Amino acid sequence: MINKLTDVSVGATSLRTVVFTVGHFIIDFFVIATITGAGVGAVALASLLAPAVNGVWYWILDRWWTQKHADSEFKQREEAYEF
């Protein structure tokens, strides 16, 4: 059961990371374009760099958090189904 929880968590971590990174890119693109008035190419490049680095950081942080709390979450689920 704990292996299944870890497998699900890896997929969930990856999905959350993709959603976070895409959202971060979109927000950065419009903020940078609005504030600087730079061209689309420069704005796109600038708005790709920070989300890419933040996406990697988020994935690492989420994996660490999930693994740290996997045992307690598993125990809570087990206790919830005990009769």
Protein backbone atom coordinates (compact mmCIF):
# COMPACT_ATOMS: atom_id res chain seq x y z
CA MET A 1 0.00 0.00 0.00
CA ILE A 2 2.79 2.46 0.86
CA ASN A 3 4.38 1.82 -2.57
CA LYS A 4 1.09 2.70 -4.25
CA LEU A 5 0.91 5.91 -2.18
CA THR A 6 4.44 6.81 -3.29
CA ASP A 7 3.61 6.04 -6.95
CA VAL A 8 0.50 8.20 -6.81
CA SER A 9 2.44 10.94 -5.09
CA VAL A 10 5.12 11.03 -7.82
CA GLY A 11 2.42 11.51 -10.45
CA ALA A 12 0.63 14.08 -8.32
CA THR A 13 3.89 15.95 -7.67
CA SER A 14 4.66 16.04 -11.38
CA LEU A 15 1.16 17.23 -12.29
CA ARG A 16 1.22 19.96 -9.63
CA THR A 17 4.66 21.02 -10.88
CA VAL A 18 3.47 21.32 -14.49
CA VAL A 19 0.38 23.32 -13.48
CA PHE A 20 2.48 25.58 -11.22
CA THR A 21 5.14 26.14 -13.89
CA VAL A 22 2.68 26.89 -16.71
CA GLY A 23 0.75 29.28 -14.47
CA HIS A 24 3.99 30.93 -13.39
CA PHE A 25 5.04 31.39 -17.03
CA ILE A 26 1.72 32.98 -17.99
CA ILE A 27 1.77 35.34 -15.00
CA ASP A 28 5.41 36.29 -15.60
CA PHE A 29 4.78 36.89 -19.30
CA PHE A 30 2.01 39.42 -18.67
CA VAL A 31 3.71 41.09 -15.70
CA ILE A 32 7.03 41.52 -17.51
CA ALA A 33 5.34 42.71 -20.70
CA THR A 34 3.19 45.21 -18.79
CA ILE A 35 5.97 46.61 -16.62
CA THR A 36 8.81 46.73 -19.15
CA GLY A 37 7.02 47.10 -22.47
CA ALA A 38 9.71 44.83 -23.98
CA GLY A 39 9.21 42.88 -27.18
CA VAL A 40 7.54 39.49 -27.22
CA GLY A 41 10.83 37.59 -27.69
CA ALA A 42 12.56 39.21 -24.74
CA VAL A 43 9.46 38.86 -22.57
CA ALA A 44 9.08 35.18 -23.49
CA LEU A 45 12.73 34.43 -22.71
CA ALA A 46 12.64 36.27 -19.39
CA SER A 47 9.36 34.68 -18.39
CA LEU A 48 10.63 31.16 -19.18
CA LEU A 49 13.76 31.26 -17.03
CA ALA A 50 12.30 31.91 -13.57
CA PRO A 51 9.37 29.47 -13.95
CA ALA A 52 11.73 26.73 -15.14
CA VAL A 53 14.00 27.14 -12.11
CA ASN A 54 11.03 27.52 -9.75
CA GLY A 55 9.38 24.45 -11.27
CA VAL A 56 12.44 22.31 -10.48
CA TRP A 57 12.58 23.74 -6.96
CA TYR A 58 8.84 23.12 -6.47
CA TRP A 59 9.15 19.49 -7.65
CA ILE A 60 12.01 18.84 -5.21
CA LEU A 61 10.16 20.54 -2.36
CA ASP A 62 6.90 18.68 -3.07
CA ARG A 63 8.65 15.29 -3.31
CA TRP A 64 10.45 15.93 -0.01
CA TRP A 65 7.21 17.03 1.67
CA THR A 66 5.26 14.07 0.31
CA GLN A 67 7.89 11.57 1.38
CA LYS A 68 8.23 13.17 4.82
CA HIS A 69 4.49 12.96 5.42
CA ALA A 70 3.76 9.69 3.59
CA ASP A 71 3.99 7.56 6.74
CA SER A 72 1.67 9.78 8.77
CA GLU A 73 -0.83 10.05 5.89
CA PHE A 74 -0.78 6.28 5.42
CA LYS A 75 -1.34 5.71 9.14
CA GLN A 76 -4.25 8.19 9.18
CA ARG A 77 -5.87 6.41 6.23
CA GLU A 78 -5.40 3.03 7.89
CA GLU A 79 -6.95 4.30 11.13
CA ALA A 80 -9.89 5.81 9.26
CA TYR A 81 -10.82 2.41 7.80
CA GLU A 82 -10.39 0.40 11.01
CA PHE A 83 -13.61 -0.81 12.57
